[in-house]
Amino acid sequence: MSRICKITGKRPKTGNNVSKANNKTKRKQYPNMQKKRYFIPELGRTVTLKLSVNGIKTIDKYGLIPYLNKKGMSLADIK
């Protein structure tokens, strides 16, 4: 599975580890990804999504289906 949020589009960022001697080595900063199950009453089933915590908070605020409709997405786009 990739480390990309299906809702917000967050993905790993690249940067450098910088030592005291100013040596630079590449590193990645990963988003805080979590697996979350949502029950969709319109379909009568649950859906498991891999989301960033920011995406989970957004869905908790608006709801999954209303947020997808607002963004012009469907459930098939995020599965």
PDB file of N, CA and C in Angstrom:
ATOM      1  N   MET A   1       0.832  -1.192   0.000  1.00  0.00           N
ATOM      2  CA  MET A   1       0.000   0.000   0.000  1.00  0.00           C
ATOM      3  C   MET A   1       0.869   1.246   0.000  1.00  0.00           C
ATOM      4  N   SER A   2       0.413   2.228  -0.713  1.00  0.00           N
ATOM      5  CA  SER A   2       1.173   3.461  -0.760  1.00  0.00           C
ATOM      6  C   SER A   2       0.870   4.316   0.464  1.00  0.00           C
ATOM      7  N   ARG A   3       1.703   5.264   0.725  1.00  0.00           N
ATOM      8  CA  ARG A   3       1.539   6.154   1.867  1.00  0.00           C
ATOM      9  C   ARG A   3       0.955   7.484   1.410  1.00  0.00           C
ATOM     10  N   ILE A   4      -0.153   7.403   0.688  1.00  0.00           N
ATOM     11  CA  ILE A   4      -0.831   8.594   0.178  1.00  0.00           C
ATOM     12  C   ILE A   4      -2.256   8.581   0.709  1.00  0.00           C
ATOM     13  N   CYS A   5      -2.684   9.708   1.261  1.00  0.00           N
ATOM     14  CA  CYS A   5      -4.037   9.823   1.790  1.00  0.00           C
ATOM     15  C   CYS A   5      -5.028   9.913   0.631  1.00  0.00           C
ATOM     16  N   LYS A   6      -6.099   9.121   0.693  1.00  0.00           N
ATOM     17  CA  LYS A   6      -7.096   9.094  -0.375  1.00  0.00           C
ATOM     18  C   LYS A   6      -7.948  10.356  -0.394  1.00  0.00           C
ATOM     19  N   ILE A   7      -8.063  11.038   0.743  1.00  0.00           N
ATOM     20  CA  ILE A   7      -8.925  12.213   0.841  1.00  0.00           C
ATOM     21  C   ILE A   7      -8.148  13.505   0.603  1.00  0.00           C
ATOM     22  N   THR A   8      -7.075  13.714   1.369  1.00  0.00           N
ATOM     23  CA  THR A   8      -6.356  14.980   1.300  1.00  0.00           C
ATOM     24  C   THR A   8      -5.231  14.982   0.275  1.00  0.00           C
ATOM     25  N   GLY A   9      -4.774  13.801  -0.144  1.00  0.00           N
ATOM     26  CA  GLY A   9      -3.683  13.738  -1.115  1.00  0.00           C
ATOM     27  C   GLY A   9      -2.308  13.930  -0.496  1.00  0.00           C
ATOM     28  N   LYS A  10      -2.226  13.885   0.840  1.00  0.00           N
ATOM     29  CA  LYS A  10      -0.915  14.038   1.480  1.00  0.00           C
ATOM     30  C   LYS A  10      -0.032  12.858   1.110  1.00  0.00           C
ATOM     31  N   ARG A  11       1.246  13.153   0.871  1.00  0.00           N
ATOM     32  CA  ARG A  11       2.206  12.132   0.488  1.00  0.00           C
ATOM     33  C   ARG A  11       3.528  12.409   1.192  1.00  0.00           C
ATOM     34  N   PRO A  12       4.483  11.477   1.184  1.00  0.00           N
ATOM     35  CA  PRO A  12       5.755  11.724   1.851  1.00  0.00           C
ATOM     36  C   PRO A  12       6.506  12.906   1.248  1.00  0.00           C
ATOM     37  N   LYS A  13       7.146  13.669   2.123  1.00  0.00           N
ATOM     38  CA  LYS A  13       7.988  14.781   1.692  1.00  0.00           C
ATOM     39  C   LYS A  13       9.439  14.376   1.843  1.00  0.00           C
ATOM     40  N   THR A  14      10.299  14.946   1.005  1.00  0.00           N
ATOM     41  CA  THR A  14      11.715  14.635   1.090  1.00  0.00           C
ATOM     42  C   THR A  14      12.461  15.835   1.636  1.00  0.00           C
ATOM     43  N   GLY A  15      13.545  15.538   2.303  1.00  0.00           N
ATOM     44  CA  GLY A  15      14.377  16.593   2.876  1.00  0.00           C
ATOM     45  C   GLY A  15      15.739  16.015   3.216  1.00  0.00           C
ATOM     46  N   ASN A  16      16.454  16.703   4.065  1.00  0.00           N
ATOM     47  CA  ASN A  16      17.796  16.277   4.447  1.00  0.00           C
ATOM     48  C   ASN A  16      17.909  16.139   5.954  1.00  0.00           C
ATOM     49  N   ASN A  17      18.661  15.106   6.390  1.00  0.00           N
ATOM     50  CA  ASN A  17      19.159  15.061   7.749  1.00  0.00           C
ATOM     51  C   ASN A  17      20.437  15.892   7.741  1.00  0.00           C
ATOM     52  N   VAL A  18      20.568  16.814   8.640  1.00  0.00           N
ATOM     53  CA  VAL A  18      21.757  17.654   8.684  1.00  0.00           C
ATOM     54  C   VAL A  18      22.459  17.394  10.009  1.00  0.00           C
ATOM     55  N   SER A  19      23.709  16.918   9.912  1.00  0.00           N
ATOM     56  CA  SER A  19      24.470  16.616  11.117  1.00  0.00           C
ATOM     57  C   SER A  19      25.140  17.890  11.653  1.00  0.00           C
ATOM     58  N   LYS A  20      25.762  17.739  12.799  1.00  0.00           N
ATOM     59  CA  LYS A  20      26.466  18.881  13.403  1.00  0.00           C
ATOM     60  C   LYS A  20      27.609  19.357  12.503  1.00  0.00           C
ATOM     61  N   ALA A  21      28.197  18.410  11.767  1.00  0.00           N
ATOM     62  CA  ALA A  21      29.275  18.745  10.838  1.00  0.00           C
ATOM     63  C   ALA A  21      28.727  19.213   9.488  1.00  0.00           C
ATOM     64  N   ASN A  22      27.405  19.448   9.400  1.00  0.00           N
ATOM     65  CA  ASN A  22      26.728  19.935   8.206  1.00  0.00           C
ATOM     66  C   ASN A  22      26.761  18.932   7.055  1.00  0.00           C
ATOM     67  N   ASN A  23      26.876  17.621   7.398  1.00  0.00           N
ATOM     68  CA  ASN A  23      26.727  16.586   6.374  1.00  0.00           C
ATOM     69  C   ASN A  23      25.244  16.391   6.127  1.00  0.00           C
ATOM     70  N   LYS A  24      24.877  16.255   4.870  1.00  0.00           N
ATOM     71  CA  LYS A  24      23.471  16.122   4.521  1.00  0.00           C
ATOM     72  C   LYS A  24      23.213  14.758   3.896  1.00  0.00           C
ATOM     73  N   THR A  25      22.211  14.067   4.410  1.00  0.00           N
ATOM     74  CA  THR A  25      21.765  12.805   3.840  1.00  0.00           C
ATOM     75  C   THR A  25      20.255  12.892   3.627  1.00  0.00           C
ATOM     76  N   LYS A  26      19.785  12.256   2.576  1.00  0.00           N
ATOM     77  CA  LYS A  26      18.362  12.315   2.241  1.00  0.00           C
ATOM     78  C   LYS A  26      17.530  11.569   3.281  1.00  0.00           C
ATOM     79  N   ARG A  27      16.316  12.068   3.511  1.00  0.00           N
ATOM     80  CA  ARG A  27      15.363  11.425   4.405  1.00  0.00           C
ATOM     81  C   ARG A  27      13.961  11.701   3.897  1.00  0.00           C
ATOM     82  N   LYS A  28      12.994  10.985   4.440  1.00  0.00           N
ATOM     83  CA  LYS A  28      11.593  11.208   4.088  1.00  0.00           C
ATOM     84  C   LYS A  28      10.811  11.503   5.350  1.00  0.00           C
ATOM     85  N   GLN A  29       9.827  12.373   5.218  1.00  0.00           N
ATOM     86  CA  GLN A  29       8.895  12.671   6.300  1.00  0.00           C
ATOM     87  C   GLN A  29       7.540  12.144   5.864  1.00  0.00           C
ATOM     88  N   TYR A  30       7.041  11.130   6.583  1.00  0.00           N
ATOM     89  CA  TYR A  30       5.807  10.470   6.208  1.00  0.00           C
ATOM     90  C   TYR A  30       4.612  11.100   6.909  1.00  0.00           C
ATOM     91  N   PRO A  31       3.462  11.180   6.238  1.00  0.00           N
ATOM     92  CA  PRO A  31       2.258  11.667   6.910  1.00  0.00           C
ATOM     93  C   PRO A  31       1.766  10.623   7.903  1.00  0.00           C
ATOM     94  N   ASN A  32       0.987  11.063   8.881  1.00  0.00           N
ATOM     95  CA  ASN A  32       0.458  10.181   9.912  1.00  0.00           C
ATOM     96  C   ASN A  32      -0.735   9.431   9.335  1.00  0.00           C
ATOM     97  N   MET A  33      -0.480   8.255   8.769  1.00  0.00           N
ATOM     98  CA  MET A  33      -1.512   7.469   8.104  1.00  0.00           C
ATOM     99  C   MET A  33      -2.112   6.451   9.069  1.00  0.00           C
ATOM    100  N   GLN A  34      -3.438   6.307   9.005  1.00  0.00           N
ATOM    101  CA  GLN A  34      -4.158   5.368   9.845  1.00  0.00           C
ATOM    102  C   GLN A  34      -5.196   4.646   8.990  1.00  0.00           C
ATOM    103  N   LYS A  35      -5.514   3.397   9.368  1.00  0.00           N
ATOM    104  CA  LYS A  35      -6.619   2.685   8.735  1.00  0.00           C
ATOM    105  C   LYS A  35      -7.867   2.962   9.553  1.00  0.00           C
ATOM    106  N   LYS A  36      -8.947   3.305   8.884  1.00  0.00           N
ATOM    107  CA  LYS A  36     -10.186   3.667   9.572  1.00  0.00           C
ATOM    108  C   LYS A  36     -11.355   3.039   8.828  1.00  0.00           C
ATOM    109  N   ARG A  37     -12.297   2.448   9.589  1.00  0.00           N
ATOM    110  CA  ARG A  37     -13.488   1.857   9.002  1.00  0.00           C
ATOM    111  C   ARG A  37     -14.653   2.816   9.177  1.00  0.00           C
ATOM    112  N   TYR A  38     -15.400   3.008   8.099  1.00  0.00           N
ATOM    113  CA  TYR A  38     -16.578   3.869   8.122  1.00  0.00           C
ATOM    114  C   TYR A  38     -17.783   3.063   7.675  1.00  0.00           C
ATOM    115  N   PHE A  39     -18.893   3.245   8.376  1.00  0.00           N
ATOM    116  CA  PHE A  39     -20.156   2.635   7.978  1.00  0.00           C
ATOM    117  C   PHE A  39     -20.902   3.621   7.092  1.00  0.00           C
ATOM    118  N   ILE A  40     -21.337   3.154   5.938  1.00  0.00           N
ATOM    119  CA  ILE A  40     -22.065   4.005   5.005  1.00  0.00           C
ATOM    120  C   ILE A  40     -23.519   3.535   5.002  1.00  0.00           C
ATOM    121  N   PRO A  41     -24.411   4.311   5.630  1.00  0.00           N
ATOM    122  CA  PRO A  41     -25.798   3.862   5.726  1.00  0.00           C
ATOM    123  C   PRO A  41     -26.510   3.783   4.370  1.00  0.00           C
ATOM    124  N   GLU A  42     -26.107   4.596   3.391  1.00  0.00           N
ATOM    125  CA  GLU A  42     -26.731   4.559   2.078  1.00  0.00           C
ATOM    126  C   GLU A  42     -26.501   3.210   1.388  1.00  0.00           C
ATOM    127  N   LEU A  43     -25.326   2.622   1.622  1.00  0.00           N
ATOM    128  CA  LEU A  43     -24.998   1.336   1.009  1.00  0.00           C
ATOM    129  C   LEU A  43     -25.239   0.169   1.956  1.00  0.00           C
ATOM    130  N   GLY A  44     -25.332   0.460   3.247  1.00  0.00           N
ATOM    131  CA  GLY A  44     -25.544  -0.591   4.239  1.00  0.00           C
ATOM    132  C   GLY A  44     -24.319  -1.448   4.484  1.00  0.00           C
ATOM    133  N   ARG A  45     -23.130  -0.900   4.308  1.00  0.00           N
ATOM    134  CA  ARG A  45     -21.892  -1.662   4.538  1.00  0.00           C
ATOM    135  C   ARG A  45     -20.786  -0.756   5.048  1.00  0.00           C
ATOM    136  N   THR A  46     -19.697  -1.366   5.479  1.00  0.00           N
ATOM    137  CA  THR A  46     -18.559  -0.607   5.969  1.00  0.00           C
ATOM    138  C   THR A  46     -17.476  -0.557   4.892  1.00  0.00           C
ATOM    139  N   VAL A  47     -16.671   0.488   4.967  1.00  0.00           N
ATOM    140  CA  VAL A  47     -15.567   0.681   4.024  1.00  0.00           C
ATOM    141  C   VAL A  47     -14.328   0.988   4.851  1.00  0.00           C
ATOM    142  N   THR A  48     -13.223   0.323   4.552  1.00  0.00           N
ATOM    143  CA  THR A  48     -11.958   0.587   5.217  1.00  0.00           C
ATOM    144  C   THR A  48     -11.109   1.476   4.322  1.00  0.00           C
ATOM    145  N   LEU A  49     -10.664   2.608   4.872  1.00  0.00           N
ATOM    146  CA  LEU A  49      -9.860   3.559   4.119  1.00  0.00           C
ATOM    147  C   LEU A  49      -8.549   3.806   4.839  1.00  0.00           C
ATOM    148  N   LYS A  50      -7.508   4.110   4.084  1.00  0.00           N
ATOM    149  CA  LYS A  50      -6.224   4.496   4.655  1.00  0.00           C
ATOM    150  C   LYS A  50      -6.098   6.000   4.498  1.00  0.00           C
ATOM    151  N   LEU A  51      -6.189   6.723   5.631  1.00  0.00           N
ATOM    152  CA  LEU A  51      -6.276   8.172   5.607  1.00  0.00           C
ATOM    153  C   LEU A  51      -5.238   8.788   6.519  1.00  0.00           C
ATOM    154  N   SER A  52      -4.911  10.050   6.247  1.00  0.00           N
ATOM    155  CA  SER A  52      -4.116  10.821   7.194  1.00  0.00           C
ATOM    156  C   SER A  52      -5.036  11.255   8.325  1.00  0.00           C
ATOM    157  N   VAL A  53      -4.455  11.629   9.450  1.00  0.00           N
ATOM    158  CA  VAL A  53      -5.248  12.055  10.600  1.00  0.00           C
ATOM    159  C   VAL A  53      -6.026  13.318  10.250  1.00  0.00           C
ATOM    160  N   ASN A  54      -5.446  14.179   9.432  1.00  0.00           N
ATOM    161  CA  ASN A  54      -6.154  15.374   8.977  1.00  0.00           C
ATOM    162  C   ASN A  54      -7.392  14.991   8.168  1.00  0.00           C
ATOM    163  N   GLY A  55      -7.297  13.963   7.337  1.00  0.00           N
ATOM    164  CA  GLY A  55      -8.438  13.487   6.575  1.00  0.00           C
ATOM    165  C   GLY A  55      -9.508  12.880   7.467  1.00  0.00           C
ATOM    166  N   ILE A  56      -9.095  12.160   8.521  1.00  0.00           N
ATOM    167  CA  ILE A  56     -10.044  11.575   9.466  1.00  0.00           C
ATOM    168  C   ILE A  56     -10.812  12.672  10.188  1.00  0.00           C
ATOM    169  N   LYS A  57     -10.113  13.721  10.608  1.00  0.00           N
ATOM    170  CA  LYS A  57     -10.778  14.839  11.288  1.00  0.00           C
ATOM    171  C   LYS A  57     -11.768  15.536  10.358  1.00  0.00           C
ATOM    172  N   THR A  58     -11.408  15.675   9.097  1.00  0.00           N
ATOM    173  CA  THR A  58     -12.292  16.312   8.130  1.00  0.00           C
ATOM    174  C   THR A  58     -13.555  15.488   7.932  1.00  0.00           C
ATOM    175  N   ILE A  59     -13.412  14.167   7.817  1.00  0.00           N
ATOM    176  CA  ILE A  59     -14.569  13.302   7.633  1.00  0.00           C
ATOM    177  C   ILE A  59     -15.437  13.299   8.889  1.00  0.00           C
ATOM    178  N   ASP A  60     -14.821  13.337  10.069  1.00  0.00           N
ATOM    179  CA  ASP A  60     -15.599  13.403  11.306  1.00  0.00           C
ATOM    180  C   ASP A  60     -16.410  14.689  11.374  1.00  0.00           C
ATOM    181  N   LYS A  61     -15.906  15.750  10.792  1.00  0.00           N
ATOM    182  CA  LYS A  61     -16.598  17.040  10.830  1.00  0.00           C
ATOM    183  C   LYS A  61     -17.764  17.084   9.844  1.00  0.00           C
ATOM    184  N   TYR A  62     -17.545  16.655   8.597  1.00  0.00           N
ATOM    185  CA  TYR A  62     -18.543  16.795   7.544  1.00  0.00           C
ATOM    186  C   TYR A  62     -19.305  15.505   7.244  1.00  0.00           C
ATOM    187  N   GLY A  63     -18.709  14.360   7.480  1.00  0.00           N
ATOM    188  CA  GLY A  63     -19.275  13.079   7.053  1.00  0.00           C
ATOM    189  C   GLY A  63     -18.623  12.652   5.747  1.00  0.00           C
ATOM    190  N   LEU A  64     -18.555  11.359   5.523  1.00  0.00           N
ATOM    191  CA  LEU A  64     -17.823  10.840   4.358  1.00  0.00           C
ATOM    192  C   LEU A  64     -18.515  11.190   3.036  1.00  0.00           C
ATOM    193  N   ILE A  65     -19.764  10.824   2.888  1.00  0.00           N
ATOM    194  CA  ILE A  65     -20.471  11.048   1.627  1.00  0.00           C
ATOM    195  C   ILE A  65     -20.650  12.541   1.331  1.00  0.00           C
ATOM    196  N   PRO A  66     -21.068  13.388   2.315  1.00  0.00           N
ATOM    197  CA  PRO A  66     -21.166  14.824   2.013  1.00  0.00           C
ATOM    198  C   PRO A  66     -19.831  15.455   1.618  1.00  0.00           C
ATOM    199  N   TYR A  67     -18.731  15.006   2.254  1.00  0.00           N
ATOM    200  CA  TYR A  67     -17.423  15.564   1.901  1.00  0.00           C
ATOM    201  C   TYR A  67     -17.019  15.144   0.487  1.00  0.00           C
ATOM    202  N   LEU A  68     -17.278  13.884   0.118  1.00  0.00           N
ATOM    203  CA  LEU A  68     -16.948  13.431  -1.236  1.00  0.00           C
ATOM    204  C   LEU A  68     -17.770  14.183  -2.274  1.00  0.00           C
ATOM    205  N   ASN A  69     -19.048  14.422  -1.968  1.00  0.00           N
ATOM    206  CA  ASN A  69     -19.888  15.189  -2.892  1.00  0.00           C
ATOM    207  C   ASN A  69     -19.383  16.614  -3.037  1.00  0.00           C
ATOM    208  N   LYS A  70     -18.917  17.208  -1.931  1.00  0.00           N
ATOM    209  CA  LYS A  70     -18.398  18.572  -1.961  1.00  0.00           C
ATOM    210  C   LYS A  70     -17.151  18.677  -2.835  1.00  0.00           C
ATOM    211  N   LYS A  71     -16.304  17.640  -2.791  1.00  0.00           N
ATOM    212  CA  LYS A  71     -15.074  17.621  -3.585  1.00  0.00           C
ATOM    213  C   LYS A  71     -15.290  17.115  -5.008  1.00  0.00           C
ATOM    214  N   GLY A  72     -16.509  16.668  -5.324  1.00  0.00           N
ATOM    215  CA  GLY A  72     -16.778  16.140  -6.655  1.00  0.00           C
ATOM    216  C   GLY A  72     -16.209  14.762  -6.875  1.00  0.00           C
ATOM    217  N   MET A  73     -16.075  13.996  -5.809  1.00  0.00           N
ATOM    218  CA  MET A  73     -15.532  12.637  -5.889  1.00  0.00           C
ATOM    219  C   MET A  73     -16.642  11.655  -5.563  1.00  0.00           C
ATOM    220  N   SER A  74     -16.401  10.382  -5.883  1.00  0.00           N
ATOM    221  CA  SER A  74     -17.326   9.332  -5.510  1.00  0.00           C
ATOM    222  C   SER A  74     -16.590   8.309  -4.668  1.00  0.00           C
ATOM    223  N   LEU A  75     -17.327   7.355  -4.130  1.00  0.00           N
ATOM    224  CA  LEU A  75     -16.720   6.327  -3.295  1.00  0.00           C
ATOM    225  C   LEU A  75     -15.765   5.462  -4.107  1.00  0.00           C
ATOM    226  N   ALA A  76     -16.040   5.290  -5.388  1.00  0.00           N
ATOM    227  CA  ALA A  76     -15.166   4.496  -6.255  1.00  0.00           C
ATOM    228  C   ALA A  76     -13.811   5.176  -6.468  1.00  0.00           C
ATOM    229  N   ASP A  77     -13.750   6.500  -6.346  1.00  0.00           N
ATOM    230  CA  ASP A  77     -12.489   7.220  -6.535  1.00  0.00           C
ATOM    231  C   ASP A  77     -11.497   6.988  -5.413  1.00  0.00           C
ATOM    232  N   ILE A  78     -11.982   6.696  -4.207  1.00  0.00           N
ATOM    233  CA  ILE A  78     -11.088   6.568  -3.071  1.00  0.00           C
ATOM    234  C   ILE A  78     -10.821   5.132  -2.664  1.00  0.00           C
ATOM    235  N   LYS A  79     -11.447   4.174  -3.333  1.00  0.00           N
ATOM    236  CA  LYS A  79     -11.215   2.763  -2.990  1.00  0.00           C
ATOM    237  C   LYS A  79     -10.051   2.205  -3.740  1.00  0.00           C
TER     238      LYS A  79
END
